[in-house]
Amino acid sequence: MNYRKKFLIQVDTDSESLDSDFIDAHFESWIDENNPSNFRSISKQELTKAFQSECISWLNDLGIGIEFLWEES
């Protein structure tokens, strides 16, 4: 069976709601280069990239391919 389906999802979170596992997996790219002991604000672009990476990794591990089509809101 070949299966292909488009889903439109809306992602909604804030920095206070992010799970520590998610932060631990991506925090190195969010460290303040001028002061490595501090985190800087996470940009929307960085959060999008981290979310996309997690979805690809998780679904690929399950044997499911994924392609992102962007729709700005």
Protein backbone atom coordinates (compact mmCIF):
# COMPACT_ATOMS: atom_id res chain seq x y z
CA MET A 1 0.00 0.00 0.00
CA ASN A 2 1.26 3.47 -0.89
CA TYR A 3 0.04 6.19 1.45
CA ARG A 4 0.39 9.92 0.83
CA LYS A 5 -1.57 12.51 2.77
CA LYS A 6 -1.20 16.25 3.37
CA PHE A 7 -1.76 17.57 6.86
CA LEU A 8 -1.97 21.19 7.88
CA ILE A 9 -0.88 21.64 11.47
CA GLN A 10 -0.65 24.73 13.58
CA VAL A 11 2.12 24.72 16.17
CA ASP A 12 1.56 26.75 19.30
CA THR A 13 4.04 27.07 22.18
CA ASP A 14 6.11 29.53 24.13
CA SER A 15 9.49 29.34 25.84
CA GLU A 16 7.85 28.57 29.19
CA SER A 17 5.99 25.55 27.80
CA LEU A 18 8.87 23.78 26.05
CA ASP A 19 9.72 20.42 27.60
CA SER A 20 13.20 20.08 29.08
CA ASP A 21 13.96 17.13 26.75
CA PHE A 22 13.35 19.37 23.75
CA ILE A 23 15.51 22.14 25.21
CA ASP A 24 18.30 19.69 26.14
CA ALA A 25 18.38 18.36 22.58
CA HIS A 26 18.74 21.83 21.02
CA PHE A 27 20.20 24.13 23.66
CA GLU A 28 23.71 24.24 22.20
CA SER A 29 22.48 26.32 19.28
CA TRP A 30 20.72 28.70 21.70
CA ILE A 31 23.74 29.60 23.87
CA ASP A 32 24.85 33.23 23.91
CA GLU A 33 28.18 33.21 22.03
CA ASN A 34 29.40 36.22 24.03
CA ASN A 35 28.52 34.63 27.36
CA PRO A 36 28.35 30.80 27.09
CA SER A 37 26.83 30.43 30.56
CA ASN A 38 23.68 32.26 29.40
CA PHE A 39 20.98 31.32 26.96
CA ARG A 40 19.87 33.99 24.57
CA SER A 41 16.33 34.38 23.30
CA ILE A 42 15.32 31.67 20.90
CA SER A 43 14.31 33.10 17.54
CA LYS A 44 11.23 31.89 15.73
CA GLN A 45 13.47 30.62 12.94
CA GLU A 46 15.56 28.57 15.39
CA LEU A 47 12.47 27.14 17.05
CA THR A 48 11.03 26.25 13.64
CA LYS A 49 14.26 24.51 12.64
CA ALA A 50 14.37 22.56 15.92
CA PHE A 51 10.71 21.53 15.60
CA GLN A 52 11.26 20.44 12.00
CA SER A 53 14.33 18.42 13.03
CA GLU A 54 12.37 16.66 15.77
CA CYS A 55 9.48 15.80 13.43
CA ILE A 56 11.80 14.44 10.75
CA SER A 57 13.80 12.39 13.23
CA TRP A 58 10.78 10.99 15.03
CA LEU A 59 8.82 10.09 11.91
CA ASN A 60 11.84 8.69 10.05
CA ASP A 61 12.53 6.43 13.05
CA LEU A 62 8.98 5.11 12.54
CA GLY A 63 9.61 4.52 8.82
CA ILE A 64 7.49 7.50 7.76
CA GLY A 65 8.82 10.07 5.32
CA ILE A 66 7.91 13.72 5.78
CA GLU A 67 8.14 16.85 3.69
CA PHE A 68 7.48 20.35 5.02
CA LEU A 69 5.47 22.83 2.98
CA TRP A 70 5.50 26.26 4.60
CA GLU A 71 2.50 28.48 5.01
CA GLU A 72 3.12 31.76 6.78
CA SER A 73 0.50 32.79 9.28
